[in-house]
Amino acid sequence: MADDRRAKVSKEEADGLLTQLKEAVPRQDCWSCECLQGFVAQLELDATEQARALLAGHEANPSQVHGCLGCEPCAPAEIFAEYLLRNRKM
């Protein structure tokens, strides 16, 4: 269950995370990988309405999403994990 007291992801924060992803992904196939798309989906859940509009442009068509490519390390998964650690109480 989402914690509504948690700060929402702003448009600026979403833009920063997308820039981080753009700089980190090693190949174009990453943009339709379930690792990166899972992160985009979580950001959309956590985002303000303005940020959601920015993130929507990075959603892959569900029919084009594929499983993990097995990259080691997986840059999108690492950025996602850092985001979760920063924003969740464990």
Protein backbone atom coordinates (compact mmCIF):
# COMPACT_ATOMS: atom_id res chain seq x y z
CA MET A 1 0.00 0.00 0.00
CA ALA A 2 1.34 3.42 -0.97
CA ASP A 3 2.16 5.88 1.78
CA ASP A 4 0.41 9.14 0.85
CA ARG A 5 2.63 11.02 3.31
CA ARG A 6 5.64 10.28 1.13
CA ALA A 7 6.83 13.15 -1.05
CA LYS A 8 5.65 12.87 -4.64
CA VAL A 9 8.19 12.73 -7.45
CA SER A 10 8.30 16.21 -8.98
CA LYS A 11 8.69 16.95 -12.68
CA GLU A 12 12.24 18.12 -11.95
CA GLU A 13 13.13 14.93 -10.07
CA ALA A 14 11.60 12.77 -12.80
CA ASP A 15 13.57 14.70 -15.42
CA GLY A 16 16.77 14.16 -13.42
CA LEU A 17 16.13 10.42 -13.12
CA LEU A 18 15.36 10.14 -16.83
CA THR A 19 18.61 11.97 -17.62
CA GLN A 20 20.44 9.56 -15.35
CA LEU A 21 18.88 6.63 -17.23
CA LYS A 22 19.71 8.15 -20.63
CA GLU A 23 23.35 8.48 -19.59
CA ALA A 24 23.54 5.01 -18.06
CA VAL A 25 21.76 2.62 -20.42
CA PRO A 26 24.29 0.79 -22.58
CA ARG A 27 21.96 -0.08 -25.48
CA GLN A 28 18.69 0.97 -27.07
CA ASP A 29 17.07 -2.37 -26.14
CA CYS A 30 17.20 -1.29 -22.49
CA TRP A 31 14.30 1.13 -23.06
CA SER A 32 11.89 -1.77 -23.63
CA CYS A 33 13.42 -4.05 -20.97
CA GLU A 34 11.23 -4.98 -18.00
CA CYS A 35 13.95 -3.67 -15.66
CA LEU A 36 13.74 -0.11 -16.98
CA GLN A 37 10.00 -0.23 -17.63
CA GLY A 38 9.40 -1.39 -14.05
CA PHE A 39 11.22 1.70 -12.84
CA VAL A 40 9.19 3.97 -15.13
CA ALA A 41 5.97 2.36 -13.85
CA GLN A 42 7.00 2.90 -10.21
CA LEU A 43 7.92 6.51 -10.90
CA GLU A 44 4.52 7.07 -12.49
CA LEU A 45 2.84 5.69 -9.36
CA ASP A 46 4.90 8.02 -7.17
CA ALA A 47 4.77 11.09 -9.44
CA THR A 48 2.90 14.34 -9.46
CA GLU A 49 0.55 14.88 -12.39
CA GLN A 50 3.15 17.04 -14.18
CA ALA A 51 5.84 14.42 -13.73
CA ARG A 52 3.51 11.66 -14.98
CA ALA A 53 3.10 13.56 -18.25
CA LEU A 54 6.89 13.61 -18.68
CA LEU A 55 7.26 9.93 -17.79
CA ALA A 56 4.47 8.79 -20.12
CA GLY A 57 6.72 9.46 -23.09
CA HIS A 58 9.09 6.77 -21.84
CA GLU A 59 6.57 3.95 -21.55
CA ALA A 60 7.18 1.12 -23.98
CA ASN A 61 4.28 -0.50 -25.78
CA PRO A 62 3.42 -3.55 -23.61
CA SER A 63 3.72 -5.83 -26.63
CA GLN A 64 7.34 -4.68 -27.08
CA VAL A 65 8.47 -5.07 -23.45
CA HIS A 66 10.87 -7.97 -23.08
CA GLY A 67 12.50 -9.76 -20.19
CA CYS A 68 15.75 -8.78 -18.58
CA LEU A 69 18.67 -8.83 -21.02
CA GLY A 70 20.99 -10.08 -18.30
CA CYS A 71 23.34 -7.10 -18.38
CA GLU A 72 25.83 -7.15 -15.53
CA PRO A 73 25.52 -4.65 -14.06
CA CYS A 74 22.02 -3.57 -15.06
CA ALA A 75 22.17 0.22 -14.93
CA PRO A 76 18.38 0.78 -14.82
CA ALA A 77 18.00 -1.75 -11.99
CA GLU A 78 20.79 -0.05 -10.02
CA ILE A 79 19.19 3.38 -10.45
CA PHE A 80 15.81 1.88 -9.48
CA ALA A 81 17.30 0.28 -6.35
CA GLU A 82 18.94 3.57 -5.32
CA TYR A 83 15.61 5.34 -5.81
CA LEU A 84 13.78 2.78 -3.66
CA LEU A 85 16.37 2.97 -0.90
CA ARG A 86 16.18 6.76 -0.87
CA ASN A 87 12.40 6.88 -0.85
CA ARG A 88 11.22 3.93 1.20
CA LYS A 89 11.42 3.06 4.84
CA MET A 90 12.94 -0.37 5.19
